[in-house]
Amino acid sequence: MRRVAQDSSAMAMSSVQLEGGPSGLSGSVKLTELDEVIFSEEKIKIRYGNGYEHFESIHAPLQRTSSGAESELMTFRWVGRTKIAE
């Protein structure tokens, strides 16, 4: 089941930068490609394995892509994990 819940529809189509957490969720990711995501502009909760990974927004400087262009990806830092209740 794929479910994406959001407060901002523009953000649903964009990529975000994730820092920390499991290696499978690090770097630039498209939220719409993940199985289950709940997010706002301040927090993201991603279902991963048998739990949820929690990320909070940080203010990061603009990053440069390999072509030299500036990237304005929102950056979120991992803050913890919760297990799914059985």
Protein backbone atom coordinates (compact mmCIF):
# COMPACT_ATOMS: atom_id res chain seq x y z
CA MET A 1 0.00 0.00 0.00
CA ARG A 2 1.33 3.41 -0.91
CA ARG A 3 -0.03 6.33 1.06
CA VAL A 4 1.28 9.86 1.06
CA ALA A 5 -0.33 12.39 3.37
CA GLN A 6 0.78 15.97 3.30
CA ASP A 7 0.00 19.53 4.30
CA SER A 8 1.48 20.99 1.12
CA SER A 9 0.65 19.43 -2.26
CA ALA A 10 3.60 21.18 -3.94
CA MET A 11 5.97 19.33 -1.62
CA ALA A 12 4.50 15.93 -2.59
CA MET A 13 6.00 16.17 -6.06
CA SER A 14 9.42 17.32 -4.94
CA SER A 15 12.52 15.62 -3.69
CA VAL A 16 13.89 16.23 -0.23
CA GLN A 17 17.34 15.76 1.28
CA LEU A 18 17.48 13.38 4.26
CA GLU A 19 20.39 13.34 6.73
CA GLY A 20 21.03 10.51 9.17
CA GLY A 21 18.80 7.53 9.82
CA PRO A 22 18.98 4.25 7.89
CA SER A 23 21.33 4.16 4.91
CA GLY A 24 18.40 3.28 2.62
CA LEU A 25 16.81 6.65 3.35
CA SER A 26 19.87 8.92 3.17
CA GLY A 27 20.45 11.53 0.52
CA SER A 28 17.99 12.92 -2.00
CA VAL A 29 14.69 11.02 -2.10
CA LYS A 30 11.33 11.51 -3.81
CA LEU A 31 8.57 11.26 -1.25
CA THR A 32 6.11 9.87 -3.78
CA GLU A 33 8.38 6.84 -4.38
CA LEU A 34 8.21 5.71 -0.73
CA ASP A 35 5.59 3.28 0.60
CA GLU A 36 4.07 5.42 3.34
CA VAL A 37 4.92 9.01 4.19
CA ILE A 38 3.26 11.54 6.47
CA PHE A 39 4.71 15.03 6.30
CA SER A 40 4.41 18.74 6.77
CA GLU A 41 6.99 21.41 6.07
CA GLU A 42 8.47 20.82 9.55
CA LYS A 43 8.42 17.02 9.94
CA ILE A 44 8.43 13.81 7.91
CA LYS A 45 7.46 10.33 9.16
CA ILE A 46 8.43 7.47 6.80
CA ARG A 47 7.40 3.84 7.20
CA TYR A 48 10.58 1.80 6.93
CA GLY A 49 10.83 -1.89 7.83
CA ASN A 50 8.87 -2.55 11.02
CA GLY A 51 8.71 1.07 12.15
CA TYR A 52 8.66 4.72 11.28
CA GLU A 53 11.69 6.95 10.80
CA HIS A 54 11.17 10.53 11.98
CA PHE A 55 12.89 13.53 10.39
CA GLU A 56 12.65 17.24 11.24
CA SER A 57 13.32 20.17 8.93
CA ILE A 58 16.61 22.02 9.24
CA HIS A 59 17.70 25.20 7.56
CA ALA A 60 20.56 24.18 5.29
CA PRO A 61 22.51 26.37 2.88
CA LEU A 62 21.86 25.98 -0.83
CA GLN A 63 23.75 23.03 -2.29
CA ARG A 64 25.38 22.76 -5.70
CA THR A 65 24.46 19.96 -8.07
CA SER A 66 27.07 18.17 -10.20
CA SER A 67 26.31 20.61 -13.03
CA GLY A 68 27.05 23.57 -10.74
CA ALA A 69 23.43 24.71 -10.41
CA GLU A 70 22.05 25.57 -7.00
CA SER A 71 19.66 23.05 -5.47
CA GLU A 72 16.88 24.19 -3.15
CA LEU A 73 15.95 20.78 -1.71
CA MET A 74 14.38 20.96 1.71
CA THR A 75 16.67 19.21 4.18
CA PHE A 76 15.42 17.02 7.02
CA ARG A 77 17.55 15.50 9.79
CA TRP A 78 16.76 12.14 11.39
CA VAL A 79 15.55 12.50 14.99
CA GLY A 80 14.38 9.00 15.90
CA ARG A 81 12.50 5.82 15.18
CA THR A 82 9.26 4.35 16.49
CA LYS A 83 8.09 0.75 16.09
CA ILE A 84 4.72 -0.16 14.63
CA ALA A 85 2.33 -1.41 17.32
CA GLU A 86 1.31 -5.03 16.89
